[in-house]
N, C-alpha and C. Protein backbone atom coordinates (compact mmCIF):
# COMPACT_ATOMS: atom_id res chain seq x y z
N MET A 1 45.52 101.67 120.76
CA MET A 1 46.91 102.11 120.61
C MET A 1 46.98 103.63 120.48
N GLU A 2 46.04 104.23 119.80
CA GLU A 2 46.07 105.69 119.57
C GLU A 2 45.50 106.42 120.79
N GLN A 3 46.06 107.57 121.09
CA GLN A 3 45.55 108.43 122.14
C GLN A 3 44.87 109.63 121.49
N PRO A 4 43.73 110.04 122.00
CA PRO A 4 43.04 111.20 121.43
C PRO A 4 43.94 112.44 121.43
N GLY A 5 43.97 113.14 120.31
CA GLY A 5 44.76 114.36 120.20
C GLY A 5 46.19 114.14 119.73
N TYR A 6 46.57 112.87 119.57
CA TYR A 6 47.93 112.54 119.13
C TYR A 6 47.86 111.64 117.91
N ALA A 7 48.77 111.86 116.98
CA ALA A 7 48.85 111.02 115.79
C ALA A 7 50.20 110.31 115.80
N PHE A 8 50.17 108.99 115.62
CA PHE A 8 51.37 108.18 115.50
C PHE A 8 51.51 107.78 114.05
N ARG A 9 52.71 107.94 113.49
CA ARG A 9 52.91 107.62 112.08
C ARG A 9 54.39 107.38 111.81
N LYS A 10 54.67 106.86 110.61
CA LYS A 10 56.05 106.72 110.16
C LYS A 10 56.62 108.12 109.94
N ALA A 11 57.87 108.27 110.25
CA ALA A 11 58.54 109.56 110.05
C ALA A 11 58.77 109.82 108.57
N THR A 12 58.87 111.08 108.24
CA THR A 12 59.21 111.51 106.89
C THR A 12 60.48 112.36 106.95
N VAL A 13 61.03 112.64 105.81
CA VAL A 13 62.25 113.46 105.75
C VAL A 13 62.01 114.82 106.41
N SER A 14 60.81 115.35 106.30
CA SER A 14 60.54 116.65 106.91
C SER A 14 60.52 116.60 108.44
N ASP A 15 60.51 115.41 109.03
CA ASP A 15 60.53 115.25 110.49
C ASP A 15 61.95 115.18 111.06
N VAL A 16 62.94 115.02 110.21
CA VAL A 16 64.29 114.71 110.69
C VAL A 16 64.85 115.79 111.62
N LYS A 17 64.64 117.04 111.33
CA LYS A 17 65.18 118.09 112.22
C LYS A 17 64.53 118.06 113.59
N ALA A 18 63.24 117.75 113.64
CA ALA A 18 62.56 117.63 114.94
C ALA A 18 63.06 116.40 115.69
N ILE A 19 63.27 115.29 114.98
CA ILE A 19 63.81 114.08 115.59
C ILE A 19 65.21 114.37 116.14
N HIS A 20 66.01 115.04 115.36
CA HIS A 20 67.36 115.42 115.77
C HIS A 20 67.33 116.23 117.07
N ARG A 21 66.44 117.18 117.13
CA ARG A 21 66.30 118.02 118.33
C ARG A 21 65.89 117.16 119.54
N LEU A 22 64.89 116.29 119.36
CA LEU A 22 64.43 115.43 120.46
C LEU A 22 65.57 114.55 120.99
N ILE A 23 66.27 113.90 120.08
CA ILE A 23 67.34 112.98 120.47
C ILE A 23 68.49 113.73 121.14
N ASN A 24 68.89 114.83 120.58
CA ASN A 24 70.02 115.56 121.15
C ASN A 24 69.66 116.27 122.44
N ASP A 25 68.41 116.65 122.62
CA ASP A 25 67.96 117.17 123.92
C ASP A 25 68.04 116.06 124.97
N ALA A 26 67.60 114.85 124.60
CA ALA A 26 67.69 113.71 125.52
C ALA A 26 69.15 113.37 125.80
N ALA A 27 70.00 113.49 124.80
CA ALA A 27 71.44 113.24 124.99
C ALA A 27 72.04 114.24 125.96
N SER A 28 71.57 115.48 125.92
CA SER A 28 72.08 116.49 126.86
C SER A 28 71.68 116.18 128.30
N GLU A 29 70.62 115.36 128.47
CA GLU A 29 70.20 114.89 129.79
C GLU A 29 70.90 113.58 130.15
N ASP A 30 71.82 113.14 129.30
CA ASP A 30 72.58 111.90 129.47
C ASP A 30 71.68 110.67 129.39
N ALA A 31 70.57 110.77 128.64
CA ALA A 31 69.62 109.67 128.50
C ALA A 31 69.93 108.80 127.28
N MET A 32 70.71 109.31 126.34
CA MET A 32 71.11 108.57 125.15
C MET A 32 72.26 109.29 124.50
N LEU A 33 72.80 108.70 123.45
CA LEU A 33 73.88 109.33 122.71
C LEU A 33 73.32 110.27 121.66
N PRO A 34 74.02 111.36 121.37
CA PRO A 34 73.56 112.26 120.31
C PRO A 34 73.67 111.58 118.95
N ARG A 35 72.90 112.06 118.00
CA ARG A 35 72.93 111.54 116.63
C ARG A 35 73.10 112.72 115.69
N SER A 36 73.80 112.50 114.61
CA SER A 36 74.01 113.56 113.61
C SER A 36 72.82 113.62 112.67
N LEU A 37 72.64 114.78 112.06
CA LEU A 37 71.58 114.92 111.06
C LEU A 37 71.79 113.94 109.91
N SER A 38 73.03 113.77 109.46
CA SER A 38 73.27 112.87 108.33
C SER A 38 72.88 111.43 108.68
N ASP A 39 73.19 111.00 109.89
CA ASP A 39 72.81 109.65 110.32
C ASP A 39 71.29 109.51 110.35
N LEU A 40 70.60 110.52 110.83
CA LEU A 40 69.14 110.46 110.92
C LEU A 40 68.49 110.47 109.54
N TYR A 41 69.01 111.26 108.61
CA TYR A 41 68.46 111.23 107.26
C TYR A 41 68.64 109.84 106.65
N GLU A 42 69.80 109.21 106.89
CA GLU A 42 70.04 107.87 106.36
C GLU A 42 69.10 106.83 106.96
N LYS A 43 68.67 107.04 108.19
CA LYS A 43 67.86 106.04 108.89
C LYS A 43 66.42 106.50 109.15
N VAL A 44 65.97 107.53 108.45
CA VAL A 44 64.62 108.06 108.69
C VAL A 44 63.55 106.99 108.54
N ARG A 45 63.77 106.01 107.68
CA ARG A 45 62.76 104.96 107.47
C ARG A 45 62.62 104.06 108.69
N ASP A 46 63.56 104.09 109.62
CA ASP A 46 63.46 103.31 110.86
C ASP A 46 62.49 103.96 111.86
N PHE A 47 62.21 105.23 111.71
CA PHE A 47 61.54 106.00 112.75
C PHE A 47 60.03 106.07 112.64
N HIS A 48 59.42 106.13 113.81
CA HIS A 48 58.01 106.48 113.99
C HIS A 48 58.02 107.78 114.80
N VAL A 49 57.01 108.60 114.61
CA VAL A 49 56.88 109.81 115.40
C VAL A 49 55.47 109.91 115.95
N CYS A 50 55.34 110.71 116.99
CA CYS A 50 54.05 111.08 117.54
C CYS A 50 53.96 112.59 117.44
N GLU A 51 52.84 113.07 116.92
CA GLU A 51 52.68 114.51 116.79
C GLU A 51 51.32 114.95 117.29
N SER A 52 51.24 116.23 117.58
CA SER A 52 49.99 116.86 117.95
C SER A 52 50.05 118.29 117.46
N GLY A 53 49.03 118.71 116.76
CA GLY A 53 48.99 120.08 116.24
C GLY A 53 50.14 120.39 115.31
N GLY A 54 50.63 119.38 114.58
CA GLY A 54 51.73 119.59 113.66
C GLY A 54 53.10 119.62 114.30
N ARG A 55 53.17 119.40 115.60
CA ARG A 55 54.45 119.41 116.35
C ARG A 55 54.85 117.99 116.70
N VAL A 56 56.06 117.60 116.34
CA VAL A 56 56.58 116.27 116.69
C VAL A 56 56.95 116.28 118.17
N LEU A 57 56.29 115.39 118.92
CA LEU A 57 56.48 115.33 120.37
C LEU A 57 57.33 114.16 120.82
N GLY A 58 57.48 113.16 119.95
CA GLY A 58 58.26 111.99 120.32
C GLY A 58 58.68 111.20 119.10
N CYS A 59 59.70 110.37 119.30
CA CYS A 59 60.20 109.53 118.22
C CYS A 59 60.72 108.22 118.79
N CYS A 60 60.77 107.22 117.93
CA CYS A 60 61.33 105.92 118.29
C CYS A 60 61.65 105.20 116.99
N ALA A 61 62.73 104.42 117.00
CA ALA A 61 63.15 103.72 115.78
C ALA A 61 63.18 102.21 116.00
N LEU A 62 62.85 101.49 114.94
CA LEU A 62 63.03 100.05 114.88
C LEU A 62 64.12 99.81 113.85
N HIS A 63 65.28 99.38 114.32
CA HIS A 63 66.42 99.17 113.44
C HIS A 63 66.63 97.66 113.25
N ILE A 64 66.51 97.19 112.03
CA ILE A 64 66.67 95.76 111.75
C ILE A 64 68.16 95.42 111.78
N ILE A 65 68.49 94.40 112.56
CA ILE A 65 69.88 93.98 112.74
C ILE A 65 70.19 92.76 111.88
N TRP A 66 69.24 91.81 111.85
CA TRP A 66 69.45 90.55 111.16
C TRP A 66 68.09 89.99 110.79
N GLU A 67 68.05 88.83 110.15
CA GLU A 67 66.79 88.29 109.66
C GLU A 67 65.76 88.05 110.75
N ASP A 68 66.20 87.82 111.97
CA ASP A 68 65.26 87.52 113.05
C ASP A 68 65.39 88.46 114.24
N MET A 69 66.10 89.58 114.07
CA MET A 69 66.34 90.46 115.21
C MET A 69 66.36 91.93 114.80
N ALA A 70 65.75 92.75 115.66
CA ALA A 70 65.75 94.20 115.48
C ALA A 70 66.00 94.86 116.84
N GLU A 71 66.31 96.14 116.79
CA GLU A 71 66.59 96.91 118.00
C GLU A 71 65.67 98.12 118.07
N ILE A 72 65.14 98.37 119.25
CA ILE A 72 64.42 99.62 119.52
C ILE A 72 65.50 100.63 119.87
N ARG A 73 65.50 101.76 119.15
CA ARG A 73 66.51 102.81 119.35
C ARG A 73 65.85 104.18 119.46
N SER A 74 66.57 105.07 120.08
CA SER A 74 66.26 106.51 120.02
C SER A 74 64.84 106.86 120.45
N LEU A 75 64.36 106.25 121.52
CA LEU A 75 63.06 106.62 122.08
C LEU A 75 63.23 107.93 122.84
N ALA A 76 62.56 108.96 122.37
CA ALA A 76 62.65 110.27 123.02
C ALA A 76 61.29 110.96 122.96
N VAL A 77 60.90 111.58 124.05
CA VAL A 77 59.63 112.31 124.13
C VAL A 77 59.93 113.69 124.72
N GLN A 78 59.33 114.69 124.12
CA GLN A 78 59.45 116.07 124.59
C GLN A 78 59.13 116.12 126.08
N PRO A 79 59.97 116.78 126.91
CA PRO A 79 59.74 116.78 128.37
C PRO A 79 58.32 117.16 128.79
N ASP A 80 57.71 118.15 128.15
CA ASP A 80 56.36 118.56 128.57
C ASP A 80 55.28 117.59 128.10
N SER A 81 55.66 116.54 127.38
CA SER A 81 54.69 115.54 126.91
C SER A 81 54.91 114.17 127.54
N ARG A 82 55.84 114.06 128.45
CA ARG A 82 56.11 112.78 129.10
C ARG A 82 55.00 112.43 130.08
N GLY A 83 54.83 111.12 130.31
CA GLY A 83 53.82 110.65 131.24
C GLY A 83 52.43 110.58 130.64
N LYS A 84 52.31 110.73 129.33
CA LYS A 84 51.01 110.71 128.66
C LYS A 84 50.82 109.47 127.79
N GLY A 85 51.75 108.53 127.88
CA GLY A 85 51.64 107.30 127.10
C GLY A 85 52.22 107.37 125.70
N LEU A 86 52.88 108.48 125.38
CA LEU A 86 53.43 108.62 124.03
C LEU A 86 54.58 107.65 123.79
N GLY A 87 55.45 107.47 124.77
CA GLY A 87 56.55 106.53 124.64
C GLY A 87 56.04 105.11 124.45
N VAL A 88 55.02 104.73 125.22
CA VAL A 88 54.42 103.41 125.08
C VAL A 88 53.83 103.24 123.68
N GLY A 89 53.13 104.26 123.20
CA GLY A 89 52.54 104.20 121.86
C GLY A 89 53.59 104.05 120.78
N LEU A 90 54.70 104.76 120.93
CA LEU A 90 55.78 104.69 119.94
C LEU A 90 56.43 103.30 119.93
N VAL A 91 56.72 102.76 121.10
CA VAL A 91 57.32 101.42 121.16
C VAL A 91 56.35 100.39 120.59
N ARG A 92 55.08 100.51 120.92
CA ARG A 92 54.10 99.55 120.38
C ARG A 92 54.02 99.62 118.86
N ARG A 93 54.14 100.82 118.30
CA ARG A 93 54.17 100.94 116.83
C ARG A 93 55.36 100.19 116.26
N CYS A 94 56.51 100.33 116.90
CA CYS A 94 57.71 99.62 116.44
C CYS A 94 57.53 98.10 116.56
N LEU A 95 56.94 97.65 117.65
CA LEU A 95 56.73 96.22 117.83
C LEU A 95 55.72 95.68 116.83
N ALA A 96 54.72 96.46 116.48
CA ALA A 96 53.77 96.03 115.45
C ALA A 96 54.46 95.95 114.09
N GLU A 97 55.35 96.90 113.82
CA GLU A 97 56.07 96.90 112.56
C GLU A 97 56.98 95.67 112.45
N ARG A 98 57.59 95.28 113.53
CA ARG A 98 58.46 94.10 113.48
C ARG A 98 57.68 92.88 113.06
N GLU A 99 56.41 92.80 113.46
CA GLU A 99 55.58 91.67 113.05
C GLU A 99 55.35 91.69 111.54
N GLU A 100 55.19 92.88 110.97
CA GLU A 100 55.01 93.00 109.52
C GLU A 100 56.23 92.45 108.77
N TYR A 101 57.40 92.59 109.36
CA TYR A 101 58.63 92.10 108.75
C TYR A 101 58.95 90.66 109.13
N GLY A 102 58.16 90.07 110.03
CA GLY A 102 58.41 88.70 110.46
C GLY A 102 59.59 88.56 111.39
N ILE A 103 59.91 89.62 112.10
CA ILE A 103 61.04 89.60 113.04
C ILE A 103 60.52 89.17 114.41
N ARG A 104 61.13 88.13 114.94
CA ARG A 104 60.66 87.56 116.19
C ARG A 104 61.24 88.25 117.42
N LYS A 105 62.52 88.61 117.39
CA LYS A 105 63.19 89.15 118.57
C LYS A 105 63.47 90.63 118.41
N VAL A 106 63.20 91.37 119.47
CA VAL A 106 63.53 92.79 119.50
C VAL A 106 64.24 93.06 120.83
N PHE A 107 65.37 93.76 120.74
CA PHE A 107 66.08 94.09 121.97
C PHE A 107 66.20 95.60 122.09
N VAL A 108 66.59 96.02 123.28
CA VAL A 108 66.81 97.43 123.57
C VAL A 108 67.94 97.52 124.59
N LEU A 109 68.72 98.57 124.49
CA LEU A 109 69.69 98.93 125.51
C LEU A 109 69.13 100.18 126.16
N THR A 110 68.87 100.14 127.45
CA THR A 110 68.11 101.21 128.08
C THR A 110 68.60 101.56 129.48
N TYR A 111 68.34 102.80 129.87
CA TYR A 111 68.56 103.26 131.24
C TYR A 111 67.27 103.16 132.06
N ILE A 112 66.16 102.80 131.41
CA ILE A 112 64.86 102.73 132.10
C ILE A 112 64.23 101.35 131.91
N PRO A 113 64.83 100.32 132.52
CA PRO A 113 64.32 98.96 132.32
C PRO A 113 62.87 98.75 132.77
N GLY A 114 62.45 99.45 133.80
CA GLY A 114 61.07 99.30 134.27
C GLY A 114 60.04 99.64 133.20
N PHE A 115 60.32 100.65 132.41
CA PHE A 115 59.43 101.04 131.31
C PHE A 115 59.26 99.89 130.33
N PHE A 116 60.39 99.28 129.94
CA PHE A 116 60.33 98.21 128.94
C PHE A 116 59.81 96.89 129.52
N GLU A 117 60.00 96.66 130.81
CA GLU A 117 59.42 95.46 131.43
C GLU A 117 57.90 95.48 131.30
N LYS A 118 57.29 96.64 131.45
CA LYS A 118 55.83 96.77 131.33
C LYS A 118 55.36 96.45 129.91
N LEU A 119 56.27 96.49 128.95
CA LEU A 119 55.92 96.22 127.55
C LEU A 119 56.33 94.80 127.13
N GLY A 120 56.68 93.96 128.11
CA GLY A 120 56.98 92.57 127.82
C GLY A 120 58.44 92.24 127.59
N PHE A 121 59.33 93.19 127.79
CA PHE A 121 60.76 92.92 127.65
C PHE A 121 61.29 92.32 128.94
N ARG A 122 62.34 91.52 128.83
CA ARG A 122 63.00 90.95 130.00
C ARG A 122 64.50 91.24 129.92
N LYS A 123 65.13 91.34 131.07
CA LYS A 123 66.57 91.61 131.13
C LYS A 123 67.35 90.40 130.64
N VAL A 124 68.43 90.68 129.90
CA VAL A 124 69.33 89.64 129.41
C VAL A 124 70.77 90.15 129.53
N SER A 125 71.70 89.25 129.39
CA SER A 125 73.10 89.63 129.35
C SER A 125 73.42 90.26 128.00
N LYS A 126 74.22 91.30 128.02
CA LYS A 126 74.63 91.93 126.76
C LYS A 126 75.42 90.95 125.89
N ASP A 127 75.97 89.92 126.49
CA ASP A 127 76.77 88.95 125.76
C ASP A 127 75.97 88.21 124.69
N ILE A 128 74.64 88.13 124.84
CA ILE A 128 73.84 87.39 123.85
C ILE A 128 73.49 88.24 122.63
N LEU A 129 73.81 89.52 122.68
CA LEU A 129 73.47 90.41 121.57
C LEU A 129 74.45 90.22 120.41
N PRO A 130 74.00 90.50 119.20
CA PRO A 130 74.87 90.29 118.02
C PRO A 130 76.13 91.16 118.06
N HIS A 131 77.15 90.69 117.38
CA HIS A 131 78.42 91.42 117.31
C HIS A 131 78.24 92.81 116.72
N LYS A 132 77.27 93.00 115.86
CA LYS A 132 77.01 94.32 115.26
C LYS A 132 76.76 95.35 116.35
N VAL A 133 76.04 94.95 117.39
CA VAL A 133 75.77 95.87 118.50
C VAL A 133 77.08 96.25 119.17
N TRP A 134 77.95 95.28 119.37
CA TRP A 134 79.22 95.55 120.03
C TRP A 134 80.08 96.48 119.18
N SER A 135 79.98 96.38 117.86
CA SER A 135 80.77 97.30 117.02
C SER A 135 80.29 98.73 117.22
N ASP A 136 78.99 98.92 117.48
CA ASP A 136 78.48 100.25 117.82
C ASP A 136 78.94 100.65 119.21
N CYS A 137 78.90 99.71 120.15
CA CYS A 137 79.25 100.00 121.54
C CYS A 137 80.71 100.44 121.70
N VAL A 138 81.62 99.78 121.01
CA VAL A 138 83.03 100.12 121.20
C VAL A 138 83.35 101.52 120.70
N LYS A 139 82.49 102.10 119.87
CA LYS A 139 82.67 103.48 119.39
C LYS A 139 82.13 104.50 120.38
N CYS A 140 81.40 104.04 121.36
CA CYS A 140 80.72 104.93 122.31
C CYS A 140 81.70 105.47 123.34
N PRO A 141 81.61 106.77 123.66
CA PRO A 141 82.50 107.33 124.67
C PRO A 141 82.27 106.76 126.08
N LYS A 142 81.12 106.13 126.31
CA LYS A 142 80.83 105.55 127.62
C LYS A 142 81.29 104.10 127.74
N PHE A 143 81.75 103.51 126.65
CA PHE A 143 82.18 102.11 126.65
C PHE A 143 83.41 101.94 127.53
N PRO A 144 83.48 100.92 128.36
CA PRO A 144 82.59 99.78 128.51
C PRO A 144 81.61 99.92 129.67
N ASP A 145 81.58 101.05 130.34
CA ASP A 145 80.75 101.20 131.54
C ASP A 145 79.59 102.16 131.31
N CYS A 146 78.73 101.83 130.37
CA CYS A 146 77.65 102.75 130.03
C CYS A 146 76.48 102.70 131.01
N GLY A 147 76.29 101.58 131.67
CA GLY A 147 75.20 101.47 132.63
C GLY A 147 73.87 101.11 132.01
N GLU A 148 73.82 100.88 130.69
CA GLU A 148 72.56 100.50 130.06
C GLU A 148 72.25 99.04 130.37
N THR A 149 70.96 98.74 130.43
CA THR A 149 70.49 97.39 130.65
C THR A 149 70.04 96.82 129.31
N ALA A 150 70.48 95.60 129.01
CA ALA A 150 70.04 94.91 127.79
C ALA A 150 68.74 94.20 128.10
N MET A 151 67.77 94.33 127.21
CA MET A 151 66.47 93.68 127.38
C MET A 151 66.02 93.15 126.03
N ILE A 152 65.19 92.12 126.06
CA ILE A 152 64.73 91.51 124.82
C ILE A 152 63.28 91.05 124.97
N THR A 153 62.59 91.00 123.86
CA THR A 153 61.26 90.37 123.82
C THR A 153 61.20 89.55 122.54
N ASP A 154 60.60 88.39 122.66
CA ASP A 154 60.38 87.58 121.47
C ASP A 154 58.97 87.00 121.48
N ASP A 155 58.13 87.58 122.31
CA ASP A 155 56.74 87.12 122.42
C ASP A 155 55.82 88.24 121.99
N ALA A 156 55.44 88.22 120.73
CA ALA A 156 54.60 89.28 120.16
C ALA A 156 53.28 89.40 120.92
N ALA A 157 52.77 88.31 121.44
CA ALA A 157 51.50 88.34 122.14
C ALA A 157 51.56 89.16 123.44
N ALA A 158 52.76 89.31 124.02
CA ALA A 158 52.90 90.04 125.27
C ALA A 158 52.80 91.54 125.06
N ASN A 159 52.87 91.98 123.81
CA ASN A 159 52.89 93.41 123.55
C ASN A 159 51.54 93.87 123.11
């Protein structure tokens, strides 16, 4: 799971500004929605980061939705570090964490379904997702035509 020269770990409060920068840079590329610093401080325990030389290069969050379901959110990797397996490592850390919590299903809303298919996710209708997700969606400026693909995995062995 680990790549030489990179450290994957749970995020700390001191990582929040770097996470904020990563997410909002990706949002400026229209790859995700921006997040506020206050929201990230509140949810810092959801995040994993990848760093090298003390620099946070990527982040990803596992957000628990219900007793048997969680969401992969806010996967972002610094542009000069893409294509090195950091995103895969971050998602795998989140999937391993879900097993620690006994969560069977993990979903993602993504613009890059091919990436998640390689990690064992399959496309599903957004209609099967919990209402909590829809309450987030209706607040989105892109709703209802965001173009994201809903995907889910419930087979821990595939990851």
